C-alpha cells in the first residue's frame, strides 16, 4: 500500500473512532452552551442590585407560607410589575433550606408549537443574578428514554415564561439546587398525559415542580374575575375533566376579548394528570390578582394571575391518628358547625346530617374542640378528647356547647351569629409523657390531670400568647385545672396534636 493510501485510510479510521467514542461520553464542560437571558430588561430588571431590591419588595407584599409538604407551586409569568407579588406568594410556600434533588419547571411555549416538550440539555440558564444549574444528566436521560421529549432550540431561545421564574428561585433558595427546564409545545391535551407519565416518578418530596402559567388574557376586569375563579376552582378540584369543562364553559360565554382562560394550560394539564388519582394531594388557591389591580394596568383589557400550591397531606406517624383532612372536608365541618349553631340558636333544633354524603374521615371517631371568636376575641370554646363518636357528630355537639354552655360567656344571641368566626381543632389521641422535654411548643397541646382536677390548652394557645413552656404549663395548671402554678410538676401530663382550621383561613 502506498504511503498516500495508508494516510487516507488512517485518517478515515481516526475520524470514525473519535466520533464513536465521544458520543458515549458526557459533554465536556467547554462544549456547554448556557442559555442566555431574553426577559431581563423586559419582564424584570436587568440590573442585579435593582432586581434584588425589587424582588425583596415583592416578597414583603406577598402572602406568607400557608402550606407544608409542598410538592408544586403555580406561579404567573408576566412582568414583575404586574404578577410579581402573586409569584412571590407562590415561592413563599417553598422551604428555602430544603435540599431538592431537582426543581422541574414546566412552561408552555408562547412562540413555537411542536409535538412534545423540549428539555434544555445544552448548558445552564443565565439571569442577572448569575448562573442557574441544569441537571444535564437527567435532561439527557429523559430525552433518551421518552420520545415525547426532545431538545428544540427555538422552544427556549425567546421563551420568557420559564426564565422569569428563576430570579425568584435564586433570591429565596439557601441551598444548592439544579433545575430541569421543560418547555411544552403541544397543541392538544392528550400529549400532556404522556409527558406526565414520564415525569410522575419524580413527583415526590425529594423534588419540586414549578408550573408557570397566567390565567385569562384580555377580558375586562370583572369578566376576568369571573372566568379566572371558575378556572382556579377546577384546578383546585384536582381533576383533568373538570378543568376541560371549565375552559370549555368559559369559551361558550362569548366574553369579549377573552383569548384564553389559561395561558399555560399544557403545563397545568400535565401536572393534573400526575396528581388527579392521588387522594393524598391537596391543591389550594392562595392569591388572585389581575393586571387591572396595579397602577400600570387598565380595567378594560387585563391578564389574570393566580398563586396555587400543591401539597401532600401529612403522613401518619405512630403518634397521630393516621387520618387526614382535605380542604373540602374542613369546609364541610365548618359548614356543619355553623348550620348547627344557627338552627339550634334560632329554632332549638339540631340539623340532621346525611352520613352517606360524608367522607370516611368525617365518620371516623375523633375528639374535637370548637372555638368561637367575635371581633378577634374569644367568645366560647368547648371540646372533648374522647373518641367515641364520629367526628362530624362531635363537631355538632361541641358547636352547640361552645355557643350555649361555656360558663365564661353568656349564650350566643341570634344577632351575634353572623359576627362569629368558627374554629375547629380535631385532636389526635392523648399521649402521656414522662418529661416536659417531649412537649413541642405550638405543635402539642397539653392536658394536665391530678386527682379529679384537669385542664387543657390547645396547641395554638402557645402561638397566640407567646408563653414559654413553663408559662404554658403554669397557666394551664392554675387557670384551667385549678391547681397551684407549679401543680403540673406532680401531675400527669399528656400531649396531643390538632388539625386547626377556621372560617377566616379556609375559603368557603
Foldseek 3Di string as FASTA:
>chain_A
DDPVVVVVVVVVVVVVVVVVVVVPDDDPPVQFDAAEDQCDVPQADQAVVVRLVLLVVLLVLADAADDPQFQEKEAEQGRCLWRVNQRSNQLNNDDQADAAAEEEEEFEAPPAADQAKEWDQRFFYAGSLGTAAAPNVVNVVLVVPAVRYDHDPVRRNNGRQRVSSPVSSVNRHPDHHHYTYMYHRHDDQVVLLSVLVSCLVVRHSRYHYYYYKWFWWWAFQVLLVVLQVQLLVQLQLLDLVSNVVSFVVSVVVVGPGGPGGMGRVSSSSSVSSSPSVPPQKGKAWDDKDWRCVGPVDNRHTIIIITMITIRGFDADDPQFPRDGAYLVRVVVLQVQLLVQLLCCQVPVDGDDDDCVPDDPQQFFFFKKKKWKDAPNHTAFIDIDGDRPGGNSVRSSVNSCCRQPPRVVHHHDHNVCSVRMKMKMWTKGHKDWDDDLVPDDALFKKKWWDDDPFIFIDARCVCVVPVDDSLQNQQCRQCVGRVHHSCVRVPTIMIIIGIDMDIPVPRPD
